[in-house]
Amino acid sequence: MPPRAQTNERVRKSYEQRLAQAKEMRAGITHAFAKGIKDGVDVPPCDPTVWGALNAVTAYVDHAQRINGDRYAHILFGAGASLKKSAYELAIAYLQEHGLANDLPTS
């Protein structure tokens, strides 16, 4: 918990809300990875690979994440797009770190 949250009630509530959102997001992505998504769409479980992990993040953001507002704007331009970009960058970094990125296109 941030030091200011211990003395500032507003900061503490905001911190707790963001932490709850992060835990919910992690649980949703983990569920999409292990069991797939069945709510209105049929997204099967992902393979236990880096590609599967990236697909789990994409499936969660595109099909399962609760959104207040325009879902397409969130997916394509908003926080959902940022999350998917971060997941992609982490996947590429992991592959490069482990010498598995030989066939990836270079920018």
PDB file of N, CA and C in Angstrom:
ATOM      1  N   MET A   1       0.853  -1.170   0.000  1.00  0.00           N
ATOM      2  CA  MET A   1       0.000   0.000   0.000  1.00  0.00           C
ATOM      3  C   MET A   1       0.903   1.239   0.000  1.00  0.00           C
ATOM      4  N   PRO A   2       0.569   2.206  -0.839  1.00  0.00           N
ATOM      5  CA  PRO A   2       1.365   3.427  -0.875  1.00  0.00           C
ATOM      6  C   PRO A   2       1.324   4.144   0.479  1.00  0.00           C
ATOM      7  N   PRO A   3       2.411   4.794   0.867  1.00  0.00           N
ATOM      8  CA  PRO A   3       2.445   5.483   2.165  1.00  0.00           C
ATOM      9  C   PRO A   3       1.309   6.492   2.345  1.00  0.00           C
ATOM     10  N   ARG A   4       0.966   7.236   1.293  1.00  0.00           N
ATOM     11  CA  ARG A   4      -0.109   8.231   1.417  1.00  0.00           C
ATOM     12  C   ARG A   4      -1.461   7.583   1.689  1.00  0.00           C
ATOM     13  N   ALA A   5      -1.634   6.331   1.266  1.00  0.00           N
ATOM     14  CA  ALA A   5      -2.911   5.644   1.467  1.00  0.00           C
ATOM     15  C   ALA A   5      -3.160   5.342   2.942  1.00  0.00           C
ATOM     16  N   GLN A   6      -2.096   5.304   3.729  1.00  0.00           N
ATOM     17  CA  GLN A   6      -2.249   5.025   5.148  1.00  0.00           C
ATOM     18  C   GLN A   6      -2.821   6.217   5.906  1.00  0.00           C
ATOM     19  N   THR A   7      -2.642   7.414   5.367  1.00  0.00           N
ATOM     20  CA  THR A   7      -3.125   8.615   6.057  1.00  0.00           C
ATOM     21  C   THR A   7      -4.222   9.344   5.293  1.00  0.00           C
ATOM     22  N   ASN A   8      -4.404   9.036   4.028  1.00  0.00           N
ATOM     23  CA  ASN A   8      -5.392   9.729   3.213  1.00  0.00           C
ATOM     24  C   ASN A   8      -6.475   8.725   2.788  1.00  0.00           C
ATOM     25  N   GLU A   9      -7.679   8.908   3.301  1.00  0.00           N
ATOM     26  CA  GLU A   9      -8.781   7.981   3.049  1.00  0.00           C
ATOM     27  C   GLU A   9      -9.119   7.875   1.560  1.00  0.00           C
ATOM     28  N   ARG A  10      -9.096   8.993   0.868  1.00  0.00           N
ATOM     29  CA  ARG A  10      -9.414   9.000  -0.564  1.00  0.00           C
ATOM     30  C   ARG A  10      -8.391   8.200  -1.368  1.00  0.00           C
ATOM     31  N   VAL A  11      -7.127   8.370  -1.034  1.00  0.00           N
ATOM     32  CA  VAL A  11      -6.067   7.625  -1.718  1.00  0.00           C
ATOM     33  C   VAL A  11      -6.201   6.141  -1.401  1.00  0.00           C
ATOM     34  N   ARG A  12      -6.523   5.797  -0.160  1.00  0.00           N
ATOM     35  CA  ARG A  12      -6.668   4.402   0.235  1.00  0.00           C
ATOM     36  C   ARG A  12      -7.805   3.738  -0.538  1.00  0.00           C
ATOM     37  N   LYS A  13      -8.944   4.420  -0.646  1.00  0.00           N
ATOM     38  CA  LYS A  13     -10.082   3.860  -1.378  1.00  0.00           C
ATOM     39  C   LYS A  13      -9.752   3.672  -2.858  1.00  0.00           C
ATOM     40  N   SER A  14      -9.081   4.639  -3.432  1.00  0.00           N
ATOM     41  CA  SER A  14      -8.692   4.541  -4.839  1.00  0.00           C
ATOM     42  C   SER A  14      -7.732   3.380  -5.048  1.00  0.00           C
ATOM     43  N   TYR A  15      -6.766   3.256  -4.145  1.00  0.00           N
ATOM     44  CA  TYR A  15      -5.799   2.155  -4.226  1.00  0.00           C
ATOM     45  C   TYR A  15      -6.512   0.809  -4.127  1.00  0.00           C
ATOM     46  N   GLU A  16      -7.425   0.679  -3.182  1.00  0.00           N
ATOM     47  CA  GLU A  16      -8.135  -0.579  -2.994  1.00  0.00           C
ATOM     48  C   GLU A  16      -9.007  -0.918  -4.208  1.00  0.00           C
ATOM     49  N   GLN A  17      -9.607   0.098  -4.816  1.00  0.00           N
ATOM     50  CA  GLN A  17     -10.421  -0.121  -6.005  1.00  0.00           C
ATOM     51  C   GLN A  17      -9.556  -0.610  -7.168  1.00  0.00           C
ATOM     52  N   ARG A  18      -8.415   0.030  -7.385  1.00  0.00           N
ATOM     53  CA  ARG A  18      -7.516  -0.377  -8.483  1.00  0.00           C
ATOM     54  C   ARG A  18      -6.961  -1.780  -8.250  1.00  0.00           C
ATOM     55  N   LEU A  19      -6.655  -2.090  -6.983  1.00  0.00           N
ATOM     56  CA  LEU A  19      -6.155  -3.421  -6.656  1.00  0.00           C
ATOM     57  C   LEU A  19      -7.222  -4.475  -6.937  1.00  0.00           C
ATOM     58  N   ALA A  20      -8.462  -4.198  -6.576  1.00  0.00           N
ATOM     59  CA  ALA A  20      -9.566  -5.131  -6.846  1.00  0.00           C
ATOM     60  C   ALA A  20      -9.750  -5.323  -8.347  1.00  0.00           C
ATOM     61  N   GLN A  21      -9.641  -4.245  -9.125  1.00  0.00           N
ATOM     62  CA  GLN A  21      -9.764  -4.349 -10.581  1.00  0.00           C
ATOM     63  C   GLN A  21      -8.641  -5.200 -11.170  1.00  0.00           C
ATOM     64  N   ALA A  22      -7.434  -5.007 -10.673  1.00  0.00           N
ATOM     65  CA  ALA A  22      -6.293  -5.781 -11.170  1.00  0.00           C
ATOM     66  C   ALA A  22      -6.461  -7.264 -10.845  1.00  0.00           C
ATOM     67  N   LYS A  23      -6.948  -7.564  -9.647  1.00  0.00           N
ATOM     68  CA  LYS A  23      -7.177  -8.968  -9.271  1.00  0.00           C
ATOM     69  C   LYS A  23      -8.269  -9.593 -10.132  1.00  0.00           C
ATOM     70  N   GLU A  24      -9.331  -8.836 -10.398  1.00  0.00           N
ATOM     71  CA  GLU A  24     -10.418  -9.333 -11.253  1.00  0.00           C
ATOM     72  C   GLU A  24      -9.906  -9.593 -12.675  1.00  0.00           C
ATOM     73  N   MET A  25      -9.080  -8.688 -13.181  1.00  0.00           N
ATOM     74  CA  MET A  25      -8.530  -8.835 -14.522  1.00  0.00           C
ATOM     75  C   MET A  25      -7.623 -10.066 -14.590  1.00  0.00           C
ATOM     76  N   ARG A  26      -6.767 -10.232 -13.598  1.00  0.00           N
ATOM     77  CA  ARG A  26      -5.879 -11.395 -13.568  1.00  0.00           C
ATOM     78  C   ARG A  26      -6.683 -12.694 -13.530  1.00  0.00           C
ATOM     79  N   ALA A  27      -7.732 -12.723 -12.718  1.00  0.00           N
ATOM     80  CA  ALA A  27      -8.567 -13.925 -12.623  1.00  0.00           C
ATOM     81  C   ALA A  27      -9.268 -14.206 -13.952  1.00  0.00           C
ATOM     82  N   GLY A  28      -9.737 -13.153 -14.626  1.00  0.00           N
ATOM     83  CA  GLY A  28     -10.403 -13.321 -15.915  1.00  0.00           C
ATOM     84  C   GLY A  28      -9.468 -13.831 -16.991  1.00  0.00           C
ATOM     85  N   ILE A  29      -8.257 -13.309 -17.021  1.00  0.00           N
ATOM     86  CA  ILE A  29      -7.276 -13.758 -18.011  1.00  0.00           C
ATOM     87  C   ILE A  29      -6.860 -15.198 -17.723  1.00  0.00           C
ATOM     88  N   THR A  30      -6.655 -15.515 -16.450  1.00  0.00           N
ATOM     89  CA  THR A  30      -6.300 -16.885 -16.072  1.00  0.00           C
ATOM     90  C   THR A  30      -7.409 -17.857 -16.456  1.00  0.00           C
ATOM     91  N   HIS A  31      -8.645 -17.455 -16.243  1.00  0.00           N
ATOM     92  CA  HIS A  31      -9.780 -18.304 -16.609  1.00  0.00           C
ATOM     93  C   HIS A  31      -9.842 -18.492 -18.131  1.00  0.00           C
ATOM     94  N   ALA A  32      -9.650 -17.416 -18.883  1.00  0.00           N
ATOM     95  CA  ALA A  32      -9.655 -17.517 -20.347  1.00  0.00           C
ATOM     96  C   ALA A  32      -8.541 -18.444 -20.824  1.00  0.00           C
ATOM     97  N   PHE A  33      -7.393 -18.391 -20.177  1.00  0.00           N
ATOM     98  CA  PHE A  33      -6.260 -19.233 -20.548  1.00  0.00           C
ATOM     99  C   PHE A  33      -6.556 -20.704 -20.261  1.00  0.00           C
ATOM    100  N   ALA A  34      -7.084 -20.987 -19.067  1.00  0.00           N
ATOM    101  CA  ALA A  34      -7.264 -22.372 -18.633  1.00  0.00           C
ATOM    102  C   ALA A  34      -8.557 -23.020 -19.135  1.00  0.00           C
ATOM    103  N   LYS A  35      -9.636 -22.245 -19.175  1.00  0.00           N
ATOM    104  CA  LYS A  35     -10.947 -22.847 -19.465  1.00  0.00           C
ATOM    105  C   LYS A  35     -11.649 -22.256 -20.676  1.00  0.00           C
ATOM    106  N   GLY A  36     -11.125 -21.171 -21.219  1.00  0.00           N
ATOM    107  CA  GLY A  36     -11.783 -20.529 -22.347  1.00  0.00           C
ATOM    108  C   GLY A  36     -12.884 -19.593 -21.880  1.00  0.00           C
ATOM    109  N   ILE A  37     -13.668 -19.095 -22.833  1.00  0.00           N
ATOM    110  CA  ILE A  37     -14.762 -18.174 -22.547  1.00  0.00           C
ATOM    111  C   ILE A  37     -16.010 -18.738 -23.205  1.00  0.00           C
ATOM    112  N   LYS A  38     -17.089 -18.802 -22.458  1.00  0.00           N
ATOM    113  CA  LYS A  38     -18.333 -19.381 -22.978  1.00  0.00           C
ATOM    114  C   LYS A  38     -19.497 -18.394 -22.951  1.00  0.00           C
ATOM    115  N   ASP A  39     -19.290 -17.173 -22.505  1.00  0.00           N
ATOM    116  CA  ASP A  39     -20.367 -16.187 -22.372  1.00  0.00           C
ATOM    117  C   ASP A  39     -20.680 -15.516 -23.706  1.00  0.00           C
ATOM    118  N   GLY A  40     -21.582 -16.108 -24.470  1.00  0.00           N
ATOM    119  CA  GLY A  40     -21.986 -15.507 -25.736  1.00  0.00           C
ATOM    120  C   GLY A  40     -21.065 -15.821 -26.899  1.00  0.00           C
ATOM    121  N   VAL A  41     -19.825 -16.125 -26.620  1.00  0.00           N
ATOM    122  CA  VAL A  41     -18.865 -16.527 -27.658  1.00  0.00           C
ATOM    123  C   VAL A  41     -18.246 -17.839 -27.195  1.00  0.00           C
ATOM    124  N   ASP A  42     -17.722 -18.582 -28.113  1.00  0.00           N
ATOM    125  CA  ASP A  42     -17.087 -19.840 -27.743  1.00  0.00           C
ATOM    126  C   ASP A  42     -15.598 -19.732 -28.031  1.00  0.00           C
ATOM    127  N   VAL A  43     -14.846 -19.297 -27.020  1.00  0.00           N
ATOM    128  CA  VAL A  43     -13.397 -19.198 -27.135  1.00  0.00           C
ATOM    129  C   VAL A  43     -12.821 -20.372 -26.352  1.00  0.00           C
ATOM    130  N   PRO A  44     -12.151 -21.306 -27.023  1.00  0.00           N
ATOM    131  CA  PRO A  44     -11.633 -22.484 -26.333  1.00  0.00           C
ATOM    132  C   PRO A  44     -10.455 -22.131 -25.419  1.00  0.00           C
ATOM    133  N   PRO A  45     -10.106 -23.032 -24.501  1.00  0.00           N
ATOM    134  CA  PRO A  45      -8.917 -22.801 -23.670  1.00  0.00           C
ATOM    135  C   PRO A  45      -7.691 -22.621 -24.554  1.00  0.00           C
ATOM    136  N   CYS A  46      -6.700 -21.936 -24.037  1.00  0.00           N
ATOM    137  CA  CYS A  46      -5.491 -21.648 -24.816  1.00  0.00           C
ATOM    138  C   CYS A  46      -4.429 -22.707 -24.580  1.00  0.00           C
ATOM    139  N   ASP A  47      -3.579 -22.886 -25.569  1.00  0.00           N
ATOM    140  CA  ASP A  47      -2.443 -23.792 -25.429  1.00  0.00           C
ATOM    141  C   ASP A  47      -1.486 -23.228 -24.379  1.00  0.00           C
ATOM    142  N   PRO A  48      -0.778 -24.095 -23.657  1.00  0.00           N
ATOM    143  CA  PRO A  48       0.159 -23.625 -22.633  1.00  0.00           C
ATOM    144  C   PRO A  48       1.479 -23.143 -23.256  1.00  0.00           C
ATOM    145  N   THR A  49       1.377 -22.090 -24.037  1.00  0.00           N
ATOM    146  CA  THR A  49       2.531 -21.507 -24.720  1.00  0.00           C
ATOM    147  C   THR A  49       2.483 -19.992 -24.548  1.00  0.00           C
ATOM    148  N   VAL A  50       3.527 -19.333 -24.972  1.00  0.00           N
ATOM    149  CA  VAL A  50       3.537 -17.865 -24.952  1.00  0.00           C
ATOM    150  C   VAL A  50       2.431 -17.337 -25.859  1.00  0.00           C
ATOM    151  N   TRP A  51       2.267 -17.968 -27.005  1.00  0.00           N
ATOM    152  CA  TRP A  51       1.196 -17.569 -27.930  1.00  0.00           C
ATOM    153  C   TRP A  51      -0.165 -17.761 -27.271  1.00  0.00           C
ATOM    154  N   GLY A  52      -0.337 -18.850 -26.542  1.00  0.00           N
ATOM    155  CA  GLY A  52      -1.583 -19.097 -25.826  1.00  0.00           C
ATOM    156  C   GLY A  52      -1.848 -18.044 -24.764  1.00  0.00           C
ATOM    157  N   ALA A  53      -0.808 -17.631 -24.053  1.00  0.00           N
ATOM    158  CA  ALA A  53      -0.969 -16.585 -23.034  1.00  0.00           C
ATOM    159  C   ALA A  53      -1.387 -15.264 -23.677  1.00  0.00           C
ATOM    160  N   LEU A  54      -0.774 -14.928 -24.797  1.00  0.00           N
ATOM    161  CA  LEU A  54      -1.149 -13.709 -25.514  1.00  0.00           C
ATOM    162  C   LEU A  54      -2.591 -13.801 -26.010  1.00  0.00           C
ATOM    163  N   ASN A  55      -2.989 -14.955 -26.509  1.00  0.00           N
ATOM    164  CA  ASN A  55      -4.376 -15.150 -26.946  1.00  0.00           C
ATOM    165  C   ASN A  55      -5.352 -15.034 -25.786  1.00  0.00           C
ATOM    166  N   ALA A  56      -4.965 -15.485 -24.596  1.00  0.00           N
ATOM    167  CA  ALA A  56      -5.834 -15.381 -23.423  1.00  0.00           C
ATOM    168  C   ALA A  56      -6.091 -13.922 -23.064  1.00  0.00           C
ATOM    169  N   VAL A  57      -5.052 -13.091 -23.124  1.00  0.00           N
ATOM    170  CA  VAL A  57      -5.225 -11.663 -22.836  1.00  0.00           C
ATOM    171  C   VAL A  57      -6.155 -11.038 -23.880  1.00  0.00           C
ATOM    172  N   THR A  58      -5.919 -11.341 -25.144  1.00  0.00           N
ATOM    173  CA  THR A  58      -6.748 -10.798 -26.216  1.00  0.00           C
ATOM    174  C   THR A  58      -8.197 -11.257 -26.088  1.00  0.00           C
ATOM    175  N   ALA A  59      -8.407 -12.539 -25.814  1.00  0.00           N
ATOM    176  CA  ALA A  59      -9.770 -13.058 -25.666  1.00  0.00           C
ATOM    177  C   ALA A  59     -10.481 -12.392 -24.492  1.00  0.00           C
ATOM    178  N   TYR A  60      -9.778 -12.229 -23.372  1.00  0.00           N
ATOM    179  CA  TYR A  60     -10.384 -11.596 -22.200  1.00  0.00           C
ATOM    180  C   TYR A  60     -10.791 -10.157 -22.509  1.00  0.00           C
ATOM    181  N   VAL A  61      -9.877  -9.385 -23.076  1.00  0.00           N
ATOM    182  CA  VAL A  61     -10.162  -7.974 -23.374  1.00  0.00           C
ATOM    183  C   VAL A  61     -11.287  -7.856 -24.398  1.00  0.00           C
ATOM    184  N   ASP A  62     -11.231  -8.661 -25.455  1.00  0.00           N
ATOM    185  CA  ASP A  62     -12.198  -8.529 -26.546  1.00  0.00           C
ATOM    186  C   ASP A  62     -13.583  -9.091 -26.215  1.00  0.00           C
ATOM    187  N   HIS A  63     -13.650 -10.107 -25.342  1.00  0.00           N
ATOM    188  CA  HIS A  63     -14.922 -10.803 -25.161  1.00  0.00           C
ATOM    189  C   HIS A  63     -15.459 -10.874 -23.740  1.00  0.00           C
ATOM    190  N   ALA A  64     -14.637 -10.713 -22.724  1.00  0.00           N
ATOM    191  CA  ALA A  64     -15.107 -10.969 -21.363  1.00  0.00           C
ATOM    192  C   ALA A  64     -14.980  -9.787 -20.410  1.00  0.00           C
ATOM    193  N   GLN A  65     -14.054  -8.896 -20.641  1.00  0.00           N
ATOM    194  CA  GLN A  65     -13.831  -7.796 -19.702  1.00  0.00           C
ATOM    195  C   GLN A  65     -15.051  -6.892 -19.624  1.00  0.00           C
ATOM    196  N   ARG A  66     -15.446  -6.559 -18.392  1.00  0.00           N
ATOM    197  CA  ARG A  66     -16.573  -5.641 -18.209  1.00  0.00           C
ATOM    198  C   ARG A  66     -16.119  -4.231 -18.567  1.00  0.00           C
ATOM    199  N   ILE A  67     -16.898  -3.576 -19.408  1.00  0.00           N
ATOM    200  CA  ILE A  67     -16.554  -2.251 -19.927  1.00  0.00           C
ATOM    201  C   ILE A  67     -17.684  -1.282 -19.629  1.00  0.00           C
ATOM    202  N   ASN A  68     -17.341  -0.095 -19.165  1.00  0.00           N
ATOM    203  CA  ASN A  68     -18.304   1.000 -19.053  1.00  0.00           C
ATOM    204  C   ASN A  68     -18.066   1.910 -20.246  1.00  0.00           C
ATOM    205  N   GLY A  69     -18.963   1.873 -21.202  1.00  0.00           N
ATOM    206  CA  GLY A  69     -18.791   2.716 -22.376  1.00  0.00           C
ATOM    207  C   GLY A  69     -18.720   1.893 -23.641  1.00  0.00           C
ATOM    208  N   ASP A  70     -18.056   2.426 -24.631  1.00  0.00           N
ATOM    209  CA  ASP A  70     -17.972   1.820 -25.956  1.00  0.00           C
ATOM    210  C   ASP A  70     -16.931   0.700 -25.976  1.00  0.00           C
ATOM    211  N   ARG A  71     -17.394  -0.539 -26.123  1.00  0.00           N
ATOM    212  CA  ARG A  71     -16.498  -1.699 -26.118  1.00  0.00           C
ATOM    213  C   ARG A  71     -15.470  -1.620 -27.242  1.00  0.00           C
ATOM    214  N   TYR A  72     -15.890  -1.219 -28.439  1.00  0.00           N
ATOM    215  CA  TYR A  72     -14.962  -1.188 -29.571  1.00  0.00           C
ATOM    216  C   TYR A  72     -13.870  -0.136 -29.388  1.00  0.00           C
ATOM    217  N   ALA A  73     -14.219   1.002 -28.840  1.00  0.00           N
ATOM    218  CA  ALA A  73     -13.205   2.023 -28.565  1.00  0.00           C
ATOM    219  C   ALA A  73     -12.212   1.513 -27.525  1.00  0.00           C
ATOM    220  N   HIS A  74     -12.716   0.814 -26.515  1.00  0.00           N
ATOM    221  CA  HIS A  74     -11.854   0.234 -25.474  1.00  0.00           C
ATOM    222  C   HIS A  74     -10.895  -0.785 -26.079  1.00  0.00           C
ATOM    223  N   ILE A  75     -11.429  -1.660 -26.924  1.00  0.00           N
ATOM    224  CA  ILE A  75     -10.638  -2.730 -27.525  1.00  0.00           C
ATOM    225  C   ILE A  75      -9.592  -2.183 -28.494  1.00  0.00           C
ATOM    226  N   LEU A  76      -9.983  -1.193 -29.294  1.00  0.00           N
ATOM    227  CA  LEU A  76      -9.103  -0.728 -30.367  1.00  0.00           C
ATOM    228  C   LEU A  76      -8.198   0.438 -29.991  1.00  0.00           C
ATOM    229  N   PHE A  77      -8.656   1.299 -29.066  1.00  0.00           N
ATOM    230  CA  PHE A  77      -7.897   2.523 -28.801  1.00  0.00           C
ATOM    231  C   PHE A  77      -7.653   2.808 -27.322  1.00  0.00           C
ATOM    232  N   GLY A  78      -8.412   2.203 -26.436  1.00  0.00           N
ATOM    233  CA  GLY A  78      -8.366   2.559 -25.028  1.00  0.00           C
ATOM    234  C   GLY A  78      -7.476   1.656 -24.189  1.00  0.00           C
ATOM    235  N   ALA A  79      -7.903   1.463 -22.942  1.00  0.00           N
ATOM    236  CA  ALA A  79      -7.132   0.670 -21.991  1.00  0.00           C
ATOM    237  C   ALA A  79      -6.988  -0.779 -22.448  1.00  0.00           C
ATOM    238  N   GLY A  80      -7.996  -1.304 -23.131  1.00  0.00           N
ATOM    239  CA  GLY A  80      -7.904  -2.678 -23.639  1.00  0.00           C
ATOM    240  C   GLY A  80      -6.796  -2.817 -24.665  1.00  0.00           C
ATOM    241  N   ALA A  81      -6.697  -1.845 -25.551  1.00  0.00           N
ATOM    242  CA  ALA A  81      -5.627  -1.861 -26.559  1.00  0.00           C
ATOM    243  C   ALA A  81      -4.263  -1.757 -25.883  1.00  0.00           C
ATOM    244  N   SER A  82      -4.168  -0.932 -24.851  1.00  0.00           N
ATOM    245  CA  SER A  82      -2.903  -0.791 -24.116  1.00  0.00           C
ATOM    246  C   SER A  82      -2.508  -2.092 -23.433  1.00  0.00           C
ATOM    247  N   LEU A  83      -3.493  -2.773 -22.841  1.00  0.00           N
ATOM    248  CA  LEU A  83      -3.209  -4.042 -22.178  1.00  0.00           C
ATOM    249  C   LEU A  83      -2.735  -5.083 -23.188  1.00  0.00           C
ATOM    250  N   LYS A  84      -3.399  -5.157 -24.336  1.00  0.00           N
ATOM    251  CA  LYS A  84      -2.993  -6.124 -25.359  1.00  0.00           C
ATOM    252  C   LYS A  84      -1.605  -5.797 -25.898  1.00  0.00           C
ATOM    253  N   LYS A  85      -1.295  -4.523 -26.068  1.00  0.00           N
ATOM    254  CA  LYS A  85       0.037  -4.126 -26.542  1.00  0.00           C
ATOM    255  C   LYS A  85       1.102  -4.512 -25.520  1.00  0.00           C
ATOM    256  N   SER A  86       0.820  -4.280 -24.242  1.00  0.00           N
ATOM    257  CA  SER A  86       1.773  -4.654 -23.187  1.00  0.00           C
ATOM    258  C   SER A  86       1.996  -6.165 -23.164  1.00  0.00           C
ATOM    259  N   ALA A  87       0.917  -6.930 -23.320  1.00  0.00           N
ATOM    260  CA  ALA A  87       1.040  -8.391 -23.341  1.00  0.00           C
ATOM    261  C   ALA A  87       1.892  -8.842 -24.521  1.00  0.00           C
ATOM    262  N   TYR A  88       1.686  -8.217 -25.678  1.00  0.00           N
ATOM    263  CA  TYR A  88       2.470  -8.550 -26.867  1.00  0.00           C
ATOM    264  C   TYR A  88       3.956  -8.237 -26.631  1.00  0.00           C
ATOM    265  N   GLU A  89       4.230  -7.065 -26.088  1.00  0.00           N
ATOM    266  CA  GLU A  89       5.619  -6.671 -25.843  1.00  0.00           C
ATOM    267  C   GLU A  89       6.290  -7.595 -24.831  1.00  0.00           C
ATOM    268  N   LEU A  90       5.552  -8.009 -23.787  1.00  0.00           N
ATOM    269  CA  LEU A  90       6.101  -8.953 -22.815  1.00  0.00           C
ATOM    270  C   LEU A  90       6.368 -10.311 -23.457  1.00  0.00           C
ATOM    271  N   ALA A  91       5.474 -10.755 -24.326  1.00  0.00           N
ATOM    272  CA  ALA A  91       5.661 -12.040 -25.007  1.00  0.00           C
ATOM    273  C   ALA A  91       6.910 -11.999 -25.888  1.00  0.00           C
ATOM    274  N   ILE A  92       7.074 -10.934 -26.645  1.00  0.00           N
ATOM    275  CA  ILE A  92       8.259 -10.794 -27.505  1.00  0.00           C
ATOM    276  C   ILE A  92       9.530 -10.741 -26.663  1.00  0.00           C
ATOM    277  N   ALA A  93       9.503  -9.975 -25.575  1.00  0.00           N
ATOM    278  CA  ALA A  93      10.670  -9.878 -24.692  1.00  0.00           C
ATOM    279  C   ALA A  93      11.023 -11.245 -24.110  1.00  0.00           C
ATOM    280  N   TYR A  94      10.016 -12.008 -23.711  1.00  0.00           N
ATOM    281  CA  TYR A  94      10.240 -13.348 -23.166  1.00  0.00           C
ATOM    282  C   TYR A  94      10.900 -14.235 -24.217  1.00  0.00           C
ATOM    283  N   LEU A  95      10.367 -14.216 -25.425  1.00  0.00           N
ATOM    284  CA  LEU A  95      10.923 -15.044 -26.498  1.00  0.00           C
ATOM    285  C   LEU A  95      12.362 -14.650 -26.814  1.00  0.00           C
ATOM    286  N   GLN A  96      12.634 -13.350 -26.847  1.00  0.00           N
ATOM    287  CA  GLN A  96      13.993 -12.890 -27.133  1.00  0.00           C
ATOM    288  C   GLN A  96      14.946 -13.277 -26.007  1.00  0.00           C
ATOM    289  N   GLU A  97      14.483 -13.136 -24.777  1.00  0.00           N
ATOM    290  CA  GLU A  97      15.312 -13.466 -23.614  1.00  0.00           C
ATOM    291  C   GLU A  97      15.689 -14.944 -23.601  1.00  0.00           C
ATOM    292  N   HIS A  98      14.807 -15.782 -24.097  1.00  0.00           N
ATOM    293  CA  HIS A  98      15.049 -17.225 -24.098  1.00  0.00           C
ATOM    294  C   HIS A  98      15.539 -17.746 -25.451  1.00  0.00           C
ATOM    295  N   GLY A  99      15.934 -16.840 -26.337  1.00  0.00           N
ATOM    296  CA  GLY A  99      16.494 -17.238 -27.621  1.00  0.00           C
ATOM    297  C   GLY A  99      15.503 -17.923 -28.546  1.00  0.00           C
ATOM    298  N   LEU A 100      14.226 -17.591 -28.406  1.00  0.00           N
ATOM    299  CA  LEU A 100      13.191 -18.244 -29.199  1.00  0.00           C
ATOM    300  C   LEU A 100      12.589 -17.314 -30.245  1.00  0.00           C
ATOM    301  N   ALA A 101      13.189 -16.166 -30.453  1.00  0.00           N
ATOM    302  CA  ALA A 101      12.610 -15.167 -31.338  1.00  0.00           C
ATOM    303  C   ALA A 101      13.296 -15.108 -32.701  1.00  0.00           C
ATOM    304  N   ASN A 102      13.920 -16.183 -33.108  1.00  0.00           N
ATOM    305  CA  ASN A 102      14.683 -16.175 -34.367  1.00  0.00           C
ATOM    306  C   ASN A 102      13.821 -15.918 -35.588  1.00  0.00           C
ATOM    307  N   ASP A 103      12.575 -16.392 -35.579  1.00  0.00           N
ATOM    308  CA  ASP A 103      11.722 -16.286 -36.766  1.00  0.00           C
ATOM    309  C   ASP A 103      10.790 -15.082 -36.716  1.00  0.00           C
ATOM    310  N   LEU A 104      10.921 -14.250 -35.688  1.00  0.00           N
ATOM    311  CA  LEU A 104      10.035 -13.096 -35.587  1.00  0.00           C
ATOM    312  C   LEU A 104      10.465 -11.996 -36.544  1.00  0.00           C
ATOM    313  N   PRO A 105       9.487 -11.308 -37.139  1.00  0.00           N
ATOM    314  CA  PRO A 105       9.855 -10.187 -38.000  1.00  0.00           C
ATOM    315  C   PRO A 105      10.469  -9.062 -37.184  1.00  0.00           C
ATOM    316  N   THR A 106      11.407  -8.363 -37.769  1.00  0.00           N
ATOM    317  CA  THR A 106      12.011  -7.218 -37.078  1.00  0.00           C
ATOM    318  C   THR A 106      11.300  -5.960 -37.517  1.00  0.00           C
ATOM    319  N   SER A 107      11.283  -4.970 -36.652  1.00  0.00           N
ATOM    320  CA  SER A 107      10.577  -3.725 -37.004  1.00  0.00           C
ATOM    321  C   SER A 107      11.424  -2.804 -37.814  1.00  0.00           C
TER     322      SER A 107
END
